Amino acid sequence: QVQLVESGGGLVQPGGSLRLSCATSGLMFSIYTMAWYRQAPGKQRELVASITSGGSTNYADSVKGRFTISRDNDKNTVYLQMDSLKPEDTAVYYCKANWFWGQGTQVTVSS
């Protein structure tokens, strides 16, 4: 059974940082491109960042220079380091591998 479990979300002030984790099980983690998506209230789910099995990364323009995606194949886990957070980063963040999704973790950026 494939499982993707996100953690690390929470409430943070503008300019702050959070590190999201997505722990996976039941899949050959090392061969998959992993991705983080987010969905804000009333908006469509959008791609935030992705990382291939070889470590190549891709970012949405809105997060370039502020967010960093990484992976640990030994721990079957993908991370999203989020710095210089803005209120517009507020959303539920989801981890994705192939067609599998996690349950999401809420990130709220507010003073």
Foldseek 3Di string as FASTA:
>chain_A
DKAWAKDWADEAAAQAKIKMKIFIDDDQLLQWKKFKWWDDPPGDIGTAKIAGSVGDMDGDPVQPPFWDWDDDSVRSMIMIIGGRDDQVVFTWMWMDTDHDIHPTDTHGYHD
